[in-house]
Every structure is written in structure tokens, then in C-alpha cells.
């Protein structure tokens, strides 16, 4: 059974940091491109970062470039999103995603709230 389970969300003050993890099971992460998305209340889901299966290509959205870092540990079947210099506008539910041809898997989401 395919599972993606996010963790690491929570409440943080502006300027703070959080590290999101996404533990996967039921498939081999090595062969998948991975990504992180977020959805704020009243807004569409936004793709913020992704990395190709061989780590040859990495993408960051303009809103997070220079502050967030995506990474993967295939041996642990886990992906990460390091978030630094957090801003109130980063408040959203964050989702991890794993994709390859004919396959598209999503986690259940974890809430990140940036507020003083």
C-alpha cells in the first residue's frame, strides 16, 4: 500500500525555521521525481519546489527561492523541505508528492502556521 506521511509542521514565529519530512512506503522513491506543494485558505494549491529522480534538476518557486531547500534520502525513502526565514504568507497546508509516468502520489498534508 502506497503511503506518504508528512511531519514537522506547526506554529512558528516569523523569521523562524521548520523542517518538513515526508516518509514514503509502498514504492521505491529512487525512481520518482518529488515535490512539495502548499495550499493557503482560499487559494489554489501551489507548487513550490521539486527535484528530479536523479537530482539533476531542482526547481523553486519565486516565493520560496533562497529560503527553502528540498532534499531526498532514497535510502530512507524520505523527502525533506527545509524552510528558513519563514513569513506569515508561508502559512498553508503543505503536501508532499512523488511522480513518475502513470504514477502520482500525495501525502495528507501538514499545517504550517507562521505567526507572532
N, C-alpha and C. Protein backbone atom coordinates (compact mmCIF):
# COMPACT_ATOMS: atom_id res chain seq x y z
N UNK A 1 0.84 -1.19 0.00
CA UNK A 1 0.00 0.00 0.00
C UNK A 1 0.88 1.24 0.00
N UNK A 2 0.59 2.14 -0.92
CA UNK A 2 1.37 3.37 -1.03
C UNK A 2 0.96 4.35 0.08
N UNK A 3 1.95 4.88 0.77
CA UNK A 3 1.70 5.90 1.78
C UNK A 3 2.77 6.97 1.73
N UNK A 4 2.34 8.21 1.91
CA UNK A 4 3.22 9.35 2.09
C UNK A 4 2.73 10.08 3.33
N UNK A 5 3.59 10.20 4.33
CA UNK A 5 3.19 10.76 5.60
C UNK A 5 4.09 11.94 5.94
N UNK A 6 3.49 13.13 5.92
CA UNK A 6 4.25 14.34 6.26
C UNK A 6 4.31 14.53 7.77
N UNK A 7 5.36 15.18 8.21
CA UNK A 7 5.50 15.57 9.61
C UNK A 7 6.39 16.80 9.69
N UNK A 8 6.39 17.44 10.86
CA UNK A 8 7.26 18.59 11.07
C UNK A 8 6.58 19.94 10.98
N UNK A 9 5.30 19.96 10.64
CA UNK A 9 4.59 21.22 10.61
C UNK A 9 4.30 21.74 12.01
N UNK A 10 3.79 22.95 12.07
CA UNK A 10 3.46 23.52 13.37
C UNK A 10 3.38 25.03 13.32
N UNK A 11 3.43 25.63 14.49
CA UNK A 11 3.38 27.08 14.63
C UNK A 11 4.79 27.60 14.85
N UNK A 12 5.16 28.61 14.08
CA UNK A 12 6.50 29.19 14.20
C UNK A 12 6.38 30.70 14.03
N UNK A 13 7.28 31.43 14.68
CA UNK A 13 7.27 32.88 14.56
C UNK A 13 7.91 33.32 13.25
N UNK A 14 7.54 34.49 12.76
CA UNK A 14 8.21 35.00 11.56
C UNK A 14 9.72 35.03 11.73
N UNK A 15 10.42 34.62 10.68
CA UNK A 15 11.87 34.53 10.74
C UNK A 15 12.39 33.19 11.22
N UNK A 16 11.50 32.35 11.70
CA UNK A 16 11.90 31.05 12.21
C UNK A 16 12.05 30.01 11.10
N UNK A 17 12.35 28.79 11.54
CA UNK A 17 12.60 27.70 10.61
C UNK A 17 11.79 26.47 10.99
N UNK A 18 11.48 25.67 10.00
CA UNK A 18 10.88 24.36 10.19
C UNK A 18 11.46 23.42 9.15
N UNK A 19 11.49 22.14 9.49
CA UNK A 19 11.90 21.12 8.54
C UNK A 19 10.77 20.11 8.40
N UNK A 20 10.20 20.05 7.22
CA UNK A 20 9.16 19.08 6.94
C UNK A 20 9.79 17.79 6.43
N UNK A 21 9.22 16.68 6.85
CA UNK A 21 9.63 15.36 6.36
C UNK A 21 8.43 14.68 5.72
N UNK A 22 8.71 13.83 4.77
CA UNK A 22 7.67 13.03 4.12
C UNK A 22 8.21 11.61 3.99
N UNK A 23 7.73 10.75 4.86
CA UNK A 23 8.15 9.34 4.83
C UNK A 23 7.24 8.58 3.88
N UNK A 24 7.86 7.86 2.96
CA UNK A 24 7.09 7.13 1.95
C UNK A 24 7.24 5.63 2.14
N UNK A 25 6.26 4.89 1.68
CA UNK A 25 6.31 3.44 1.70
C UNK A 25 5.42 2.90 0.60
N UNK A 26 5.68 1.65 0.23
CA UNK A 26 4.87 1.00 -0.80
C UNK A 26 5.37 1.19 -2.21
N UNK A 27 6.45 1.96 -2.38
CA UNK A 27 7.06 2.12 -3.69
C UNK A 27 8.52 2.54 -3.48
N UNK A 28 9.30 2.50 -4.54
CA UNK A 28 10.73 2.82 -4.46
C UNK A 28 10.94 4.27 -4.86
N UNK A 29 11.28 5.08 -3.88
CA UNK A 29 11.37 6.52 -4.12
C UNK A 29 12.43 6.89 -5.16
N UNK A 30 13.45 6.04 -5.31
CA UNK A 30 14.55 6.33 -6.23
C UNK A 30 14.08 6.72 -7.63
N UNK A 31 12.99 6.12 -8.08
CA UNK A 31 12.58 6.28 -9.47
C UNK A 31 11.56 7.40 -9.68
N UNK A 32 11.35 8.20 -8.64
CA UNK A 32 10.31 9.20 -8.70
C UNK A 32 10.88 10.61 -8.57
N UNK A 33 10.31 11.52 -9.36
CA UNK A 33 10.51 12.93 -9.08
C UNK A 33 9.67 13.27 -7.85
N UNK A 34 10.19 14.16 -7.02
CA UNK A 34 9.47 14.51 -5.79
C UNK A 34 9.24 16.01 -5.74
N UNK A 35 8.23 16.40 -5.00
CA UNK A 35 7.95 17.82 -4.89
C UNK A 35 7.16 18.15 -3.65
N UNK A 36 7.14 19.43 -3.34
CA UNK A 36 6.34 19.97 -2.24
C UNK A 36 5.39 21.03 -2.81
N UNK A 37 4.17 20.96 -2.34
CA UNK A 37 3.13 21.91 -2.73
C UNK A 37 2.54 22.49 -1.45
N UNK A 38 1.83 23.60 -1.60
CA UNK A 38 1.14 24.16 -0.44
C UNK A 38 -0.17 24.78 -0.89
N UNK A 39 -1.09 24.86 0.05
CA UNK A 39 -2.38 25.48 -0.24
C UNK A 39 -2.81 26.31 0.96
N UNK A 40 -2.91 27.61 0.73
CA UNK A 40 -3.38 28.53 1.76
C UNK A 40 -4.90 28.65 1.67
N UNK A 41 -5.55 29.05 2.75
CA UNK A 41 -7.01 29.18 2.73
C UNK A 41 -7.48 30.11 1.61
N UNK A 42 -8.42 29.62 0.83
CA UNK A 42 -8.99 30.44 -0.24
C UNK A 42 -8.14 30.53 -1.48
N UNK A 43 -7.03 29.80 -1.51
CA UNK A 43 -6.13 29.86 -2.67
C UNK A 43 -5.96 28.49 -3.30
N UNK A 44 -5.50 28.48 -4.54
CA UNK A 44 -5.23 27.22 -5.22
C UNK A 44 -3.94 26.59 -4.70
N UNK A 45 -3.83 25.29 -4.89
CA UNK A 45 -2.60 24.60 -4.50
C UNK A 45 -1.45 25.10 -5.37
N UNK A 46 -0.32 25.37 -4.74
CA UNK A 46 0.84 25.97 -5.40
C UNK A 46 2.03 25.03 -5.32
N UNK A 47 2.67 24.79 -6.44
CA UNK A 47 3.90 24.01 -6.44
C UNK A 47 5.05 24.90 -6.02
N UNK A 48 5.80 24.53 -5.00
CA UNK A 48 6.85 25.40 -4.51
C UNK A 48 8.25 24.87 -4.75
N UNK A 49 8.40 23.56 -4.86
CA UNK A 49 9.73 23.03 -5.11
C UNK A 49 9.61 21.59 -5.60
N UNK A 50 10.54 21.22 -6.47
CA UNK A 50 10.58 19.82 -6.91
C UNK A 50 12.01 19.46 -7.29
N UNK A 51 12.28 18.19 -7.34
CA UNK A 51 13.59 17.69 -7.71
C UNK A 51 13.41 16.42 -8.51
N UNK A 52 14.21 16.28 -9.55
CA UNK A 52 14.08 15.12 -10.43
C UNK A 52 14.57 13.86 -9.73
N UNK A 53 14.26 12.71 -10.33
CA UNK A 53 14.59 11.45 -9.66
C UNK A 53 16.09 11.27 -9.49
N UNK A 54 16.90 11.82 -10.42
CA UNK A 54 18.35 11.67 -10.32
C UNK A 54 19.02 12.91 -9.73
N UNK A 55 18.19 13.82 -9.19
CA UNK A 55 18.68 15.07 -8.56
C UNK A 55 19.39 15.97 -9.55
N UNK A 56 19.17 15.72 -10.85
CA UNK A 56 19.82 16.56 -11.85
C UNK A 56 19.17 17.92 -12.02
N UNK A 57 17.89 18.02 -11.68
CA UNK A 57 17.15 19.26 -11.86
C UNK A 57 16.37 19.57 -10.59
N UNK A 58 16.50 20.81 -10.13
CA UNK A 58 15.77 21.27 -8.96
C UNK A 58 15.07 22.58 -9.31
N UNK A 59 13.85 22.71 -8.82
CA UNK A 59 13.05 23.90 -9.09
C UNK A 59 12.56 24.49 -7.77
N UNK A 60 12.58 25.82 -7.70
CA UNK A 60 11.98 26.54 -6.58
C UNK A 60 11.11 27.66 -7.12
N UNK A 61 9.94 27.81 -6.54
CA UNK A 61 9.09 28.94 -6.90
C UNK A 61 9.70 30.24 -6.41
N UNK A 62 9.36 31.31 -7.06
CA UNK A 62 9.92 32.61 -6.71
C UNK A 62 9.64 32.97 -5.26
N UNK A 63 8.49 32.53 -4.75
CA UNK A 63 8.10 32.93 -3.39
C UNK A 63 8.96 32.27 -2.32
N UNK A 64 9.67 31.19 -2.65
CA UNK A 64 10.46 30.48 -1.63
C UNK A 64 11.94 30.39 -1.99
N UNK A 65 12.30 30.85 -3.16
CA UNK A 65 13.69 30.74 -3.62
C UNK A 65 14.63 31.44 -2.65
N UNK A 66 15.70 30.74 -2.27
CA UNK A 66 16.67 31.31 -1.35
C UNK A 66 16.34 31.08 0.11
N UNK A 67 15.13 30.60 0.39
CA UNK A 67 14.72 30.37 1.78
C UNK A 67 14.44 28.89 2.06
N UNK A 68 13.94 28.17 1.07
CA UNK A 68 13.57 26.77 1.23
C UNK A 68 14.57 25.88 0.48
N UNK A 69 14.78 24.68 1.01
CA UNK A 69 15.66 23.70 0.35
C UNK A 69 14.99 22.34 0.36
N UNK A 70 14.87 21.77 -0.82
CA UNK A 70 14.30 20.43 -0.96
C UNK A 70 15.43 19.41 -0.98
N UNK A 71 15.19 18.24 -0.41
CA UNK A 71 16.20 17.19 -0.46
C UNK A 71 15.50 15.84 -0.35
N UNK A 72 16.27 14.81 -0.62
CA UNK A 72 15.72 13.45 -0.57
C UNK A 72 16.78 12.50 -0.03
N UNK A 73 16.32 11.48 0.66
CA UNK A 73 17.19 10.40 1.13
C UNK A 73 16.54 9.11 0.64
N UNK A 74 16.99 8.64 -0.51
CA UNK A 74 16.36 7.46 -1.09
C UNK A 74 16.53 6.22 -0.22
N UNK A 75 17.64 6.16 0.50
CA UNK A 75 17.88 5.00 1.37
C UNK A 75 16.81 4.92 2.48
N UNK A 76 16.32 6.08 2.88
CA UNK A 76 15.28 6.13 3.92
C UNK A 76 13.89 6.31 3.34
N UNK A 77 13.80 6.38 2.00
CA UNK A 77 12.50 6.62 1.34
C UNK A 77 11.80 7.84 1.90
N UNK A 78 12.58 8.88 2.09
CA UNK A 78 12.06 10.09 2.74
C UNK A 78 12.51 11.33 1.97
N UNK A 79 11.63 12.31 1.89
CA UNK A 79 11.98 13.60 1.32
C UNK A 79 11.80 14.67 2.38
N UNK A 80 12.48 15.80 2.17
CA UNK A 80 12.50 16.85 3.17
C UNK A 80 12.29 18.22 2.51
N UNK A 81 11.82 19.15 3.33
CA UNK A 81 11.76 20.54 2.92
C UNK A 81 12.23 21.38 4.11
N UNK A 82 13.41 21.94 3.98
CA UNK A 82 13.94 22.84 5.00
C UNK A 82 13.44 24.24 4.69
N UNK A 83 12.77 24.84 5.65
CA UNK A 83 12.16 26.16 5.44
C UNK A 83 12.77 27.14 6.43
N UNK A 84 13.45 28.14 5.91
CA UNK A 84 14.09 29.17 6.74
C UNK A 84 13.47 30.53 6.47
N UNK A 85 13.72 31.45 7.35
CA UNK A 85 13.22 32.83 7.20
C UNK A 85 11.73 32.84 6.86
N UNK A 86 10.99 32.11 7.63
CA UNK A 86 9.55 31.96 7.34
C UNK A 86 8.81 33.28 7.51
N UNK A 87 7.81 33.45 6.66
CA UNK A 87 6.99 34.66 6.65
C UNK A 87 5.52 34.28 6.89
N UNK A 88 4.72 35.22 7.35
CA UNK A 88 3.29 34.91 7.54
C UNK A 88 2.63 34.39 6.27
N UNK A 89 3.07 34.86 5.13
CA UNK A 89 2.47 34.40 3.87
C UNK A 89 2.86 32.98 3.49
N UNK A 90 3.74 32.37 4.27
CA UNK A 90 4.06 30.95 4.08
C UNK A 90 3.05 30.05 4.77
N UNK A 91 2.13 30.63 5.53
CA UNK A 91 1.11 29.85 6.22
C UNK A 91 0.24 29.11 5.22
N UNK A 92 0.18 27.77 5.37
CA UNK A 92 -0.56 26.93 4.43
C UNK A 92 -0.50 25.49 4.91
N UNK A 93 -1.27 24.65 4.25
CA UNK A 93 -1.10 23.21 4.39
C UNK A 93 -0.10 22.77 3.33
N UNK A 94 0.92 22.06 3.76
CA UNK A 94 2.00 21.62 2.87
C UNK A 94 1.84 20.13 2.55
N UNK A 95 1.97 19.83 1.27
CA UNK A 95 1.80 18.46 0.77
C UNK A 95 3.06 17.98 0.07
N UNK A 96 3.41 16.74 0.28
CA UNK A 96 4.49 16.14 -0.49
C UNK A 96 3.89 15.32 -1.63
N UNK A 97 4.70 15.16 -2.68
CA UNK A 97 4.23 14.49 -3.89
C UNK A 97 5.36 13.70 -4.50
N UNK A 98 5.04 12.54 -5.03
CA UNK A 98 6.01 11.71 -5.76
C UNK A 98 5.38 11.33 -7.10
N UNK A 99 6.12 11.53 -8.19
CA UNK A 99 5.57 11.32 -9.53
C UNK A 99 6.53 10.53 -10.41
N UNK A 100 5.96 9.72 -11.25
CA UNK A 100 6.65 9.14 -12.40
C UNK A 100 5.56 8.80 -13.39
N UNK A 101 5.95 8.30 -14.54
CA UNK A 101 4.95 8.02 -15.56
C UNK A 101 3.89 7.07 -14.99
N UNK A 102 2.64 7.44 -15.17
CA UNK A 102 1.47 6.68 -14.73
C UNK A 102 1.32 6.64 -13.20
N UNK A 103 2.15 7.35 -12.47
CA UNK A 103 2.06 7.30 -11.01
C UNK A 103 2.12 8.73 -10.46
N UNK A 104 1.22 9.03 -9.52
CA UNK A 104 1.17 10.35 -8.91
C UNK A 104 0.63 10.18 -7.50
N UNK A 105 1.52 10.30 -6.50
CA UNK A 105 1.16 10.02 -5.12
C UNK A 105 1.25 11.28 -4.27
N UNK A 106 0.31 11.41 -3.32
CA UNK A 106 0.24 12.59 -2.46
C UNK A 106 0.17 12.20 -0.99
N UNK A 107 0.75 13.05 -0.16
CA UNK A 107 0.57 12.93 1.27
C UNK A 107 -0.72 13.61 1.70
N UNK A 108 -1.01 13.50 2.98
CA UNK A 108 -2.27 14.02 3.52
C UNK A 108 -2.17 15.49 3.91
N UNK A 109 -0.97 16.02 3.98
CA UNK A 109 -0.77 17.43 4.30
C UNK A 109 -0.41 17.66 5.75
N UNK A 110 0.38 18.72 5.97
CA UNK A 110 0.71 19.13 7.32
C UNK A 110 0.60 20.66 7.39
N UNK A 111 0.03 21.14 8.47
CA UNK A 111 -0.23 22.57 8.61
C UNK A 111 1.03 23.30 9.08
N UNK A 112 1.34 24.38 8.39
CA UNK A 112 2.40 25.29 8.82
C UNK A 112 1.76 26.65 9.03
N UNK A 113 1.94 27.19 10.23
CA UNK A 113 1.40 28.50 10.57
C UNK A 113 2.53 29.39 11.04
N UNK A 114 2.68 30.53 10.37
CA UNK A 114 3.74 31.48 10.72
C UNK A 114 3.05 32.71 11.29
N UNK A 115 3.24 32.91 12.58
CA UNK A 115 2.54 33.99 13.26
C UNK A 115 3.26 34.35 14.54
N UNK A 116 3.19 35.62 14.90
CA UNK A 116 3.76 36.05 16.16
C UNK A 116 2.70 36.04 17.25
